[in-house]
């Protein structure tokens, strides 16, 4: 004799429940070198070396001893190590006492601790508007006066 059981439910069937995804933390550890472009939806913490641009939707953290040789695009950058490239941060950049930045910074707010080095231009305001203005400026013809030849 075999037994068959039937389960009936009038409740609507739901697919697998998925929790809202939190932004991930990606760590480039001491002794690790990444060569190429690094992209993240969340936070990137660099304790090692990245040679190439770094894009992180939320935050880029460069620990003391960490190094990025390329441009950084993020909402917030906290630099305790070294960046050799431009930083474009939508909201905020923090330059800690142990850091060296060799490149331009574009952001709305900046905090530079005593001892932190910035060797480049700092542009403050809406980074998107500043970027668009810079693109228009570089695309415009040169305004240098021409000296007529005297031949």
N, C-alpha and C. Protein backbone atom coordinates (compact mmCIF):
# COMPACT_ATOMS: atom_id res chain seq x y z
N UNK A 1 0.84 -1.15 0.00
CA UNK A 1 0.00 0.00 0.00
C UNK A 1 0.90 1.23 0.00
N UNK A 2 0.66 2.14 -0.92
CA UNK A 2 1.46 3.34 -0.99
C UNK A 2 0.65 4.52 -0.49
N UNK A 3 1.35 5.44 0.04
CA UNK A 3 0.69 6.61 0.61
C UNK A 3 1.02 7.82 -0.25
N UNK A 4 0.04 8.58 -0.62
CA UNK A 4 0.22 9.80 -1.40
C UNK A 4 -0.36 10.94 -0.59
N UNK A 5 0.41 11.96 -0.42
CA UNK A 5 -0.11 13.11 0.30
C UNK A 5 -0.12 14.32 -0.62
N UNK A 6 -1.12 15.11 -0.50
CA UNK A 6 -1.26 16.30 -1.31
C UNK A 6 -1.34 17.49 -0.37
N UNK A 7 -0.55 18.50 -0.69
CA UNK A 7 -0.58 19.73 0.09
C UNK A 7 -1.16 20.79 -0.80
N UNK A 8 -2.18 21.43 -0.30
CA UNK A 8 -2.84 22.47 -1.07
C UNK A 8 -2.74 23.79 -0.31
N UNK A 9 -2.40 24.81 -1.06
CA UNK A 9 -2.32 26.13 -0.44
C UNK A 9 -3.00 27.13 -1.34
N UNK A 10 -3.86 27.91 -0.76
CA UNK A 10 -4.51 28.97 -1.52
C UNK A 10 -3.70 30.26 -1.51
N UNK A 11 -2.61 30.26 -0.74
CA UNK A 11 -1.76 31.45 -0.67
C UNK A 11 -0.98 31.58 -1.97
N UNK A 12 -0.80 32.80 -2.45
CA UNK A 12 -0.04 32.98 -3.68
C UNK A 12 1.40 32.54 -3.47
N UNK A 13 1.96 31.95 -4.52
CA UNK A 13 3.34 31.47 -4.42
C UNK A 13 4.30 32.63 -4.63
N UNK A 14 5.29 32.68 -3.81
CA UNK A 14 6.32 33.71 -3.93
C UNK A 14 7.61 33.06 -4.34
N UNK A 15 8.40 33.81 -5.04
CA UNK A 15 9.73 33.32 -5.40
C UNK A 15 10.61 33.35 -4.17
N UNK A 16 11.85 32.97 -4.34
CA UNK A 16 12.77 33.00 -3.19
C UNK A 16 12.90 34.42 -2.67
N UNK A 17 12.90 34.53 -1.39
CA UNK A 17 13.03 35.86 -0.78
C UNK A 17 14.49 36.29 -0.83
N UNK A 18 14.66 37.51 -1.26
CA UNK A 18 16.02 38.05 -1.29
C UNK A 18 16.06 39.29 -0.43
N UNK A 19 17.03 39.34 0.41
CA UNK A 19 17.21 40.51 1.27
C UNK A 19 17.81 41.62 0.42
N UNK A 20 17.54 42.86 0.75
CA UNK A 20 18.16 43.95 0.01
C UNK A 20 19.67 43.83 0.10
N UNK A 21 20.32 44.01 -1.03
CA UNK A 21 21.78 43.88 -1.05
C UNK A 21 22.44 45.12 -0.47
N UNK A 22 23.36 44.87 0.41
CA UNK A 22 24.16 45.97 0.94
C UNK A 22 25.39 46.10 0.06
N UNK A 23 25.91 47.29 -0.03
CA UNK A 23 27.10 47.51 -0.82
C UNK A 23 28.26 46.71 -0.24
N UNK A 24 28.99 46.08 -1.11
CA UNK A 24 30.09 45.21 -0.70
C UNK A 24 31.32 46.02 -0.31
N UNK A 25 32.16 45.41 0.49
CA UNK A 25 33.47 45.94 0.84
C UNK A 25 34.50 45.09 0.13
N UNK A 26 35.29 45.71 -0.73
CA UNK A 26 36.37 45.02 -1.43
C UNK A 26 37.68 45.51 -0.85
N UNK A 27 38.52 44.58 -0.41
CA UNK A 27 39.79 44.95 0.21
C UNK A 27 40.93 44.46 -0.67
N UNK A 28 41.82 45.38 -1.03
CA UNK A 28 43.05 45.05 -1.72
C UNK A 28 44.11 45.00 -0.61
N UNK A 29 44.46 43.81 -0.19
CA UNK A 29 45.28 43.61 1.00
C UNK A 29 46.74 43.99 0.77
N UNK A 30 47.44 44.18 1.87
CA UNK A 30 48.87 44.45 1.85
C UNK A 30 49.55 43.32 1.06
N UNK A 31 50.45 43.68 0.17
CA UNK A 31 51.16 42.69 -0.62
C UNK A 31 50.43 42.31 -1.91
N UNK A 32 49.23 42.87 -2.13
CA UNK A 32 48.46 42.58 -3.34
C UNK A 32 48.60 43.75 -4.30
N UNK A 33 48.80 43.43 -5.59
CA UNK A 33 48.86 44.44 -6.63
C UNK A 33 47.81 44.14 -7.68
N UNK A 34 46.99 45.12 -7.99
CA UNK A 34 45.98 45.02 -9.04
C UNK A 34 46.43 45.91 -10.17
N UNK A 35 46.48 45.36 -11.38
CA UNK A 35 46.82 46.15 -12.56
C UNK A 35 45.60 46.15 -13.47
N UNK A 36 45.03 47.33 -13.67
CA UNK A 36 43.83 47.45 -14.49
C UNK A 36 42.78 48.26 -13.76
N UNK A 37 41.62 48.39 -14.39
CA UNK A 37 40.53 49.18 -13.83
C UNK A 37 39.79 48.38 -12.77
N UNK A 38 39.48 49.02 -11.65
CA UNK A 38 38.77 48.38 -10.54
C UNK A 38 37.43 49.09 -10.36
N UNK A 39 36.32 48.34 -10.45
CA UNK A 39 34.97 48.90 -10.31
C UNK A 39 34.23 48.19 -9.19
N UNK A 40 33.48 48.96 -8.38
CA UNK A 40 32.71 48.38 -7.29
C UNK A 40 31.43 49.17 -7.07
N UNK A 41 30.37 48.45 -6.67
CA UNK A 41 29.11 49.10 -6.30
C UNK A 41 29.19 49.71 -4.91
N UNK A 42 30.16 49.29 -4.12
CA UNK A 42 30.20 49.69 -2.73
C UNK A 42 31.45 50.44 -2.35
N UNK A 43 32.21 49.83 -1.43
CA UNK A 43 33.39 50.44 -0.83
C UNK A 43 34.63 49.66 -1.26
N UNK A 44 35.68 50.38 -1.63
CA UNK A 44 36.97 49.76 -1.95
C UNK A 44 37.99 50.27 -0.94
N UNK A 45 38.65 49.34 -0.26
CA UNK A 45 39.72 49.70 0.67
C UNK A 45 41.03 49.19 0.09
N UNK A 46 41.98 50.10 -0.10
CA UNK A 46 43.26 49.75 -0.70
C UNK A 46 44.33 49.79 0.37
N UNK A 47 44.85 48.62 0.69
CA UNK A 47 45.99 48.50 1.61
C UNK A 47 47.25 48.15 0.83
N UNK A 48 47.07 47.59 -0.36
CA UNK A 48 48.17 47.22 -1.26
C UNK A 48 48.33 48.28 -2.33
N UNK A 49 48.45 47.83 -3.61
CA UNK A 49 48.68 48.74 -4.72
C UNK A 49 47.69 48.47 -5.84
N UNK A 50 47.13 49.54 -6.39
CA UNK A 50 46.29 49.46 -7.59
C UNK A 50 46.93 50.36 -8.64
N UNK A 51 47.23 49.78 -9.80
CA UNK A 51 47.74 50.56 -10.93
C UNK A 51 46.63 50.59 -11.97
N UNK A 52 45.91 51.69 -12.01
CA UNK A 52 44.76 51.85 -12.88
C UNK A 52 43.68 52.61 -12.14
N UNK A 53 42.62 52.97 -12.84
CA UNK A 53 41.57 53.77 -12.20
C UNK A 53 40.73 52.93 -11.25
N UNK A 54 40.21 53.59 -10.21
CA UNK A 54 39.36 52.95 -9.21
C UNK A 54 38.03 53.68 -9.20
N UNK A 55 36.94 52.93 -9.40
CA UNK A 55 35.58 53.48 -9.35
C UNK A 55 34.80 52.72 -8.29
N UNK A 56 34.29 53.47 -7.31
CA UNK A 56 33.48 52.86 -6.25
C UNK A 56 32.29 53.78 -6.00
N UNK A 57 31.10 53.22 -6.08
CA UNK A 57 29.90 54.04 -5.93
C UNK A 57 29.84 54.75 -4.58
N UNK A 58 30.25 54.07 -3.51
CA UNK A 58 30.12 54.66 -2.18
C UNK A 58 31.39 55.34 -1.69
N UNK A 59 32.49 54.58 -1.62
CA UNK A 59 33.67 55.12 -0.94
C UNK A 59 34.94 54.41 -1.40
N UNK A 60 36.02 55.19 -1.45
CA UNK A 60 37.36 54.64 -1.65
C UNK A 60 38.18 55.01 -0.42
N UNK A 61 38.73 54.00 0.23
CA UNK A 61 39.59 54.19 1.40
C UNK A 61 41.00 53.75 1.00
N UNK A 62 41.97 54.61 1.19
CA UNK A 62 43.36 54.25 0.94
C UNK A 62 44.06 54.27 2.29
N UNK A 63 44.39 53.08 2.77
CA UNK A 63 45.01 52.95 4.09
C UNK A 63 46.45 53.45 4.04
N UNK A 64 47.00 53.77 5.21
CA UNK A 64 48.41 54.14 5.31
C UNK A 64 49.22 52.99 4.72
N UNK A 65 50.08 53.31 3.77
CA UNK A 65 50.86 52.27 3.09
C UNK A 65 50.21 51.81 1.79
N UNK A 66 48.93 52.13 1.60
CA UNK A 66 48.24 51.79 0.36
C UNK A 66 48.58 52.79 -0.73
N UNK A 67 48.42 52.35 -2.00
CA UNK A 67 48.82 53.22 -3.12
C UNK A 67 47.91 52.99 -4.32
N UNK A 68 47.45 54.08 -4.92
CA UNK A 68 46.72 54.02 -6.18
C UNK A 68 47.47 54.87 -7.19
N UNK A 69 47.81 54.26 -8.32
CA UNK A 69 48.45 54.97 -9.43
C UNK A 69 47.43 55.04 -10.55
N UNK A 70 46.53 56.00 -10.45
CA UNK A 70 45.45 56.16 -11.41
C UNK A 70 44.39 57.07 -10.81
N UNK A 71 43.37 57.35 -11.59
CA UNK A 71 42.31 58.25 -11.15
C UNK A 71 41.30 57.53 -10.27
N UNK A 72 40.68 58.29 -9.36
CA UNK A 72 39.69 57.76 -8.42
C UNK A 72 38.37 58.47 -8.65
N UNK A 73 37.29 57.67 -8.82
CA UNK A 73 35.94 58.20 -9.02
C UNK A 73 35.04 57.57 -7.97
N UNK A 74 34.44 58.41 -7.10
CA UNK A 74 33.64 57.88 -6.00
C UNK A 74 32.75 58.97 -5.42
N UNK A 75 31.96 58.60 -4.44
CA UNK A 75 31.17 59.58 -3.71
C UNK A 75 32.03 60.21 -2.62
N UNK A 76 32.83 59.39 -1.92
CA UNK A 76 33.67 59.87 -0.82
C UNK A 76 35.01 59.17 -0.87
N UNK A 77 36.10 59.93 -0.69
CA UNK A 77 37.44 59.36 -0.65
C UNK A 77 38.10 59.73 0.67
N UNK A 78 38.67 58.73 1.34
CA UNK A 78 39.44 58.95 2.56
C UNK A 78 40.84 58.41 2.28
N UNK A 79 41.83 59.32 2.30
CA UNK A 79 43.17 58.95 1.86
C UNK A 79 44.14 59.04 3.04
N UNK A 80 44.73 57.90 3.37
CA UNK A 80 45.77 57.83 4.39
C UNK A 80 47.08 57.40 3.77
N UNK A 81 47.02 56.92 2.55
CA UNK A 81 48.21 56.46 1.82
C UNK A 81 48.57 57.42 0.71
N UNK A 82 48.72 56.88 -0.51
CA UNK A 82 49.21 57.68 -1.63
C UNK A 82 48.33 57.48 -2.86
N UNK A 83 48.01 58.58 -3.52
CA UNK A 83 47.31 58.53 -4.80
C UNK A 83 48.09 59.38 -5.78
N UNK A 84 48.43 58.77 -6.91
CA UNK A 84 49.08 59.49 -8.01
C UNK A 84 48.10 59.50 -9.17
N UNK A 85 47.20 60.48 -9.13
CA UNK A 85 46.15 60.62 -10.12
C UNK A 85 45.09 61.55 -9.59
N UNK A 86 44.12 61.85 -10.40
CA UNK A 86 43.05 62.77 -10.02
C UNK A 86 42.02 62.07 -9.14
N UNK A 87 41.38 62.85 -8.28
CA UNK A 87 40.27 62.35 -7.46
C UNK A 87 39.03 63.15 -7.83
N UNK A 88 37.97 62.45 -8.23
CA UNK A 88 36.68 63.08 -8.49
C UNK A 88 35.69 62.45 -7.52
N UNK A 89 35.37 63.18 -6.45
CA UNK A 89 34.48 62.67 -5.40
C UNK A 89 33.24 63.55 -5.35
N UNK A 90 32.08 62.94 -5.55
CA UNK A 90 30.83 63.70 -5.60
C UNK A 90 30.56 64.50 -4.34
N UNK A 91 30.94 63.97 -3.17
CA UNK A 91 30.60 64.62 -1.91
C UNK A 91 31.79 65.13 -1.10
N UNK A 92 32.79 64.26 -0.86
CA UNK A 92 33.78 64.61 0.16
C UNK A 92 35.10 63.91 -0.06
N UNK A 93 36.20 64.61 0.27
CA UNK A 93 37.55 64.03 0.28
C UNK A 93 38.18 64.36 1.62
N UNK A 94 38.77 63.35 2.24
CA UNK A 94 39.53 63.56 3.48
C UNK A 94 40.98 63.17 3.21
N UNK A 95 41.89 64.11 3.46
CA UNK A 95 43.31 63.89 3.27
C UNK A 95 43.93 63.78 4.66
N UNK A 96 44.31 62.57 5.04
CA UNK A 96 44.84 62.35 6.38
C UNK A 96 46.30 62.77 6.46
N UNK A 97 46.82 62.87 7.68
CA UNK A 97 48.15 63.39 7.93
C UNK A 97 49.25 62.61 7.22
N UNK A 98 49.06 61.33 7.02
CA UNK A 98 50.10 60.49 6.44
C UNK A 98 50.03 60.39 4.93
N UNK A 99 49.11 61.12 4.29
CA UNK A 99 48.86 60.90 2.87
C UNK A 99 49.60 61.85 1.94
N UNK A 100 49.74 61.37 0.69
CA UNK A 100 50.32 62.18 -0.39
C UNK A 100 49.41 62.01 -1.60
N UNK A 101 48.96 63.14 -2.13
CA UNK A 101 48.15 63.11 -3.34
C UNK A 101 48.87 63.93 -4.40
N UNK A 102 49.21 63.26 -5.49
CA UNK A 102 49.86 63.90 -6.64
C UNK A 102 48.83 63.94 -7.76
N UNK A 103 47.97 64.96 -7.74
CA UNK A 103 46.94 65.08 -8.76
C UNK A 103 45.86 66.03 -8.30
N UNK A 104 44.97 66.34 -9.21
CA UNK A 104 43.89 67.28 -8.93
C UNK A 104 42.77 66.62 -8.15
N UNK A 105 42.08 67.43 -7.34
CA UNK A 105 40.94 66.96 -6.56
C UNK A 105 39.74 67.81 -6.93
N UNK A 106 38.62 67.15 -7.24
CA UNK A 106 37.37 67.83 -7.50
C UNK A 106 36.31 67.23 -6.58
N UNK A 107 35.71 68.07 -5.73
CA UNK A 107 34.75 67.59 -4.75
C UNK A 107 33.92 68.76 -4.21
N UNK A 108 32.90 68.46 -3.45
CA UNK A 108 32.11 69.51 -2.81
C UNK A 108 32.73 69.97 -1.50
N UNK A 109 33.28 69.01 -0.73
CA UNK A 109 33.89 69.32 0.57
C UNK A 109 35.23 68.62 0.67
N UNK A 110 36.17 69.26 1.37
CA UNK A 110 37.49 68.64 1.56
C UNK A 110 37.98 68.94 2.98
N UNK A 111 38.63 67.94 3.56
CA UNK A 111 39.26 68.09 4.87
C UNK A 111 40.70 67.64 4.71
N UNK A 112 41.65 68.56 5.01
CA UNK A 112 43.06 68.23 4.91
C UNK A 112 43.64 68.33 6.32
N UNK A 113 44.09 67.18 6.83
CA UNK A 113 44.72 67.17 8.15
C UNK A 113 46.14 67.70 8.04
N UNK A 114 46.63 68.26 9.14
CA UNK A 114 47.99 68.77 9.17
C UNK A 114 48.96 67.64 8.81
N UNK A 115 49.84 67.90 7.86
CA UNK A 115 50.80 66.89 7.42
C UNK A 115 50.40 66.20 6.13
N UNK A 116 49.13 66.30 5.76
CA UNK A 116 48.68 65.71 4.50
C UNK A 116 49.16 66.57 3.34
N UNK A 117 49.58 65.92 2.24
CA UNK A 117 50.10 66.65 1.08
C UNK A 117 49.15 66.55 -0.10
N UNK A 118 48.89 67.70 -0.71
CA UNK A 118 48.13 67.74 -1.96
C UNK A 118 48.96 68.54 -2.94
N UNK A 119 49.43 67.87 -3.99
CA UNK A 119 50.21 68.51 -5.04
C UNK A 119 49.39 68.47 -6.32
N UNK A 120 48.53 69.47 -6.46
CA UNK A 120 47.63 69.56 -7.60
C UNK A 120 46.59 70.63 -7.32
N UNK A 121 45.69 70.81 -8.25
CA UNK A 121 44.62 71.79 -8.09
C UNK A 121 43.47 71.19 -7.30
N UNK A 122 42.83 72.03 -6.50
CA UNK A 122 41.63 71.62 -5.76
C UNK A 122 40.48 72.46 -6.29
N UNK A 123 39.45 71.78 -6.79
CA UNK A 123 38.25 72.45 -7.28
C UNK A 123 37.09 72.02 -6.41
N UNK A 124 36.38 73.01 -5.87
CA UNK A 124 35.26 72.69 -5.00
C UNK A 124 33.97 73.18 -5.61
N UNK A 125 32.92 72.42 -5.40
CA UNK A 125 31.61 72.71 -5.95
C UNK A 125 31.02 71.40 -6.44
N UNK A 126 30.00 71.49 -7.26
CA UNK A 126 29.38 70.29 -7.81
C UNK A 126 30.33 69.65 -8.81
N UNK A 127 30.89 68.46 -8.52
CA UNK A 127 31.87 67.84 -9.40
C UNK A 127 31.36 67.61 -10.82
N UNK A 128 30.07 67.29 -10.97
CA UNK A 128 29.52 67.05 -12.31
C UNK A 128 29.55 68.34 -13.11
N UNK A 129 29.16 69.45 -12.51
CA UNK A 129 29.17 70.73 -13.21
C UNK A 129 30.60 71.16 -13.52
N UNK A 130 31.52 70.93 -12.57
CA UNK A 130 32.92 71.28 -12.80
C UNK A 130 33.52 70.45 -13.93
N UNK A 131 33.18 69.17 -13.98
CA UNK A 131 33.69 68.30 -15.04
C UNK A 131 33.17 68.76 -16.39
N UNK A 132 31.89 69.10 -16.47
CA UNK A 132 31.31 69.57 -17.72
C UNK A 132 31.96 70.88 -18.16
N UNK A 133 32.21 71.77 -17.22
CA UNK A 133 32.85 73.04 -17.55
C UNK A 133 34.27 72.81 -18.05
N UNK A 134 34.99 71.89 -17.42
CA UNK A 134 36.35 71.59 -17.85
C UNK A 134 36.36 71.00 -19.26
N UNK A 135 35.38 70.16 -19.57
CA UNK A 135 35.30 69.58 -20.90
C UNK A 135 35.01 70.66 -21.94
N UNK A 136 34.14 71.60 -21.60
CA UNK A 136 33.84 72.71 -22.53
C UNK A 136 35.08 73.57 -22.75
N UNK A 137 35.85 73.81 -21.69
CA UNK A 137 37.04 74.65 -21.78
C UNK A 137 38.09 74.00 -22.67
N UNK A 138 38.30 72.70 -22.51
CA UNK A 138 39.32 72.02 -23.31
C UNK A 138 38.87 71.85 -24.75
N UNK A 139 37.57 71.85 -25.00
CA UNK A 139 37.06 71.70 -26.36
C UNK A 139 37.02 73.03 -27.10
N UNK A 140 37.06 74.16 -26.37
CA UNK A 140 36.99 75.49 -26.99
C UNK A 140 38.30 75.80 -27.70
N UNK A 141 38.23 76.55 -28.80
CA UNK A 141 39.47 76.93 -29.48
C UNK A 141 40.30 77.84 -28.60
N UNK A 142 41.57 77.85 -28.84
CA UNK A 142 42.50 78.64 -28.05
C UNK A 142 42.20 80.13 -28.18
N UNK A 143 42.25 80.84 -27.06
CA UNK A 143 41.98 82.28 -27.08
C UNK A 143 43.26 83.08 -27.13
N UNK A 144 44.37 82.42 -27.41
CA UNK A 144 45.65 83.14 -27.46
C UNK A 144 45.67 84.05 -28.68
N UNK A 145 46.15 85.27 -28.51
CA UNK A 145 46.19 86.19 -29.65
C UNK A 145 47.21 85.70 -30.67
N UNK A 146 46.89 85.92 -31.91
CA UNK A 146 47.81 85.56 -32.98
C UNK A 146 48.61 86.79 -33.36
N UNK A 147 49.87 86.59 -33.57
CA UNK A 147 50.74 87.71 -33.99
C UNK A 147 50.89 87.59 -35.50
N UNK A 148 50.48 88.63 -36.22
CA UNK A 148 50.59 88.55 -37.68
C UNK A 148 52.05 88.53 -38.10
N UNK A 149 52.32 87.80 -39.15
CA UNK A 149 53.70 87.74 -39.65
C UNK A 149 54.01 89.05 -40.38
N UNK A 150 55.24 89.45 -40.35
CA UNK A 150 55.66 90.69 -40.98
C UNK A 150 56.49 90.44 -42.22
N UNK A 151 56.09 89.49 -43.01
CA UNK A 151 56.87 89.15 -44.21
C UNK A 151 56.51 90.02 -45.36
